[in-house]
């Protein structure tokens, strides 16, 4: 899966039926893809993880 960005992924997930909290799902995907420590560090500093 290519890097999309948190906000864009959240928007894509919001359009899918059955997802009531797209932000939580997007965060879960990010943590599983990049690891908890790296994802949290990027989120805290406002940095992007993609290229």
N, C-alpha and C. Protein backbone atom coordinates (compact mmCIF):
# COMPACT_ATOMS: atom_id res chain seq x y z
N UNK A 1 0.84 -1.18 0.00
CA UNK A 1 0.00 0.00 0.00
C UNK A 1 0.88 1.25 0.00
N UNK A 2 0.64 2.13 -0.89
CA UNK A 2 1.43 3.36 -1.01
C UNK A 2 0.98 4.38 0.03
N UNK A 3 1.88 5.30 0.35
CA UNK A 3 1.57 6.35 1.31
C UNK A 3 0.52 7.30 0.72
N UNK A 4 -0.53 7.55 1.47
CA UNK A 4 -1.61 8.42 1.01
C UNK A 4 -1.68 9.68 1.85
N UNK A 5 -1.34 9.59 3.10
CA UNK A 5 -1.48 10.70 4.03
C UNK A 5 -2.66 10.44 4.94
N UNK A 6 -2.51 10.86 6.18
CA UNK A 6 -3.53 10.55 7.18
C UNK A 6 -4.88 11.15 6.83
N UNK A 7 -4.90 12.42 6.47
CA UNK A 7 -6.17 13.10 6.19
C UNK A 7 -6.88 12.50 4.98
N UNK A 8 -6.12 12.21 3.94
CA UNK A 8 -6.73 11.64 2.74
C UNK A 8 -7.24 10.23 3.01
N UNK A 9 -6.48 9.44 3.76
CA UNK A 9 -6.92 8.09 4.11
C UNK A 9 -8.19 8.15 4.96
N UNK A 10 -8.22 9.08 5.89
CA UNK A 10 -9.39 9.26 6.74
C UNK A 10 -10.62 9.60 5.89
N UNK A 11 -10.45 10.44 4.88
CA UNK A 11 -11.55 10.78 3.98
C UNK A 11 -12.02 9.59 3.17
N UNK A 12 -11.07 8.78 2.71
CA UNK A 12 -11.43 7.59 1.95
C UNK A 12 -12.19 6.59 2.82
N UNK A 13 -11.75 6.43 4.06
CA UNK A 13 -12.41 5.50 4.97
C UNK A 13 -13.79 5.99 5.38
N UNK A 14 -13.98 7.30 5.45
CA UNK A 14 -15.27 7.86 5.85
C UNK A 14 -16.35 7.52 4.83
N UNK A 15 -15.97 7.32 3.58
CA UNK A 15 -16.93 6.99 2.53
C UNK A 15 -17.37 5.53 2.56
N UNK A 16 -16.63 4.68 3.26
CA UNK A 16 -16.95 3.26 3.31
C UNK A 16 -18.04 3.00 4.36
N UNK A 17 -19.00 2.16 4.02
CA UNK A 17 -20.07 1.86 4.98
C UNK A 17 -19.55 1.01 6.15
N UNK A 18 -20.09 1.25 7.31
CA UNK A 18 -19.74 0.46 8.48
C UNK A 18 -18.59 1.01 9.30
N UNK A 19 -17.93 2.07 8.84
CA UNK A 19 -16.83 2.66 9.60
C UNK A 19 -17.35 3.92 10.28
N UNK A 20 -17.48 3.83 11.60
CA UNK A 20 -18.05 4.96 12.34
C UNK A 20 -16.98 5.94 12.81
N UNK A 21 -15.72 5.51 12.92
CA UNK A 21 -14.65 6.39 13.37
C UNK A 21 -13.46 6.23 12.42
N UNK A 22 -13.47 6.91 11.28
CA UNK A 22 -12.40 6.73 10.29
C UNK A 22 -11.02 7.17 10.78
N UNK A 23 -10.95 8.12 11.70
CA UNK A 23 -9.68 8.56 12.25
C UNK A 23 -8.99 7.45 13.04
N UNK A 24 -9.76 6.71 13.81
CA UNK A 24 -9.21 5.61 14.60
C UNK A 24 -8.73 4.48 13.69
N UNK A 25 -9.48 4.21 12.63
CA UNK A 25 -9.09 3.16 11.69
C UNK A 25 -7.82 3.57 10.96
N UNK A 26 -7.73 4.83 10.54
CA UNK A 26 -6.54 5.32 9.85
C UNK A 26 -5.31 5.25 10.78
N UNK A 27 -5.48 5.60 12.04
CA UNK A 27 -4.39 5.53 12.99
C UNK A 27 -3.95 4.08 13.21
N UNK A 28 -4.89 3.18 13.29
CA UNK A 28 -4.58 1.76 13.45
C UNK A 28 -3.78 1.23 12.26
N UNK A 29 -4.18 1.64 11.06
CA UNK A 29 -3.46 1.23 9.85
C UNK A 29 -2.03 1.78 9.89
N UNK A 30 -1.88 3.03 10.27
CA UNK A 30 -0.56 3.65 10.35
C UNK A 30 0.34 2.98 11.36
N UNK A 31 -0.21 2.63 12.52
CA UNK A 31 0.59 1.96 13.54
C UNK A 31 1.02 0.58 13.10
N UNK A 32 0.14 -0.15 12.41
CA UNK A 32 0.51 -1.48 11.96
C UNK A 32 1.52 -1.43 10.82
N UNK A 33 1.45 -0.39 9.99
CA UNK A 33 2.36 -0.27 8.84
C UNK A 33 3.74 0.24 9.27
N UNK A 34 3.79 1.25 10.14
CA UNK A 34 5.04 1.90 10.50
C UNK A 34 5.56 1.56 11.89
N UNK A 35 4.76 0.92 12.70
CA UNK A 35 5.16 0.62 14.07
C UNK A 35 4.68 1.71 15.01
N UNK A 36 4.36 1.33 16.22
CA UNK A 36 3.79 2.27 17.18
C UNK A 36 4.71 3.44 17.47
N UNK A 37 5.99 3.16 17.72
CA UNK A 37 6.93 4.21 18.11
C UNK A 37 7.13 5.23 16.98
N UNK A 38 7.35 4.75 15.77
CA UNK A 38 7.59 5.66 14.63
C UNK A 38 6.34 6.47 14.30
N UNK A 39 5.18 5.82 14.34
CA UNK A 39 3.93 6.51 14.03
C UNK A 39 3.65 7.59 15.06
N UNK A 40 3.79 7.29 16.33
CA UNK A 40 3.51 8.26 17.39
C UNK A 40 4.48 9.43 17.34
N UNK A 41 5.76 9.17 17.04
CA UNK A 41 6.75 10.24 16.94
C UNK A 41 6.39 11.19 15.80
N UNK A 42 5.98 10.64 14.65
CA UNK A 42 5.60 11.46 13.51
C UNK A 42 4.33 12.27 13.82
N UNK A 43 3.37 11.64 14.49
CA UNK A 43 2.12 12.32 14.83
C UNK A 43 2.37 13.46 15.81
N UNK A 44 3.24 13.24 16.78
CA UNK A 44 3.53 14.25 17.79
C UNK A 44 4.24 15.46 17.21
N UNK A 45 5.08 15.24 16.21
CA UNK A 45 5.82 16.35 15.61
C UNK A 45 5.15 16.91 14.38
N UNK A 46 4.11 16.24 13.90
CA UNK A 46 3.39 16.71 12.73
C UNK A 46 4.10 16.40 11.42
N UNK A 47 4.98 15.43 11.43
CA UNK A 47 5.74 15.05 10.23
C UNK A 47 5.01 13.99 9.43
N UNK A 48 5.32 13.94 8.14
CA UNK A 48 4.76 12.91 7.26
C UNK A 48 5.68 11.71 7.23
N UNK A 49 5.12 10.54 7.03
CA UNK A 49 5.90 9.32 6.98
C UNK A 49 6.22 8.87 5.56
N UNK A 50 5.54 9.44 4.58
CA UNK A 50 5.72 9.02 3.18
C UNK A 50 6.90 9.70 2.53
N UNK A 51 7.04 9.42 1.28
CA UNK A 51 8.16 9.97 0.51
C UNK A 51 7.84 11.32 -0.05
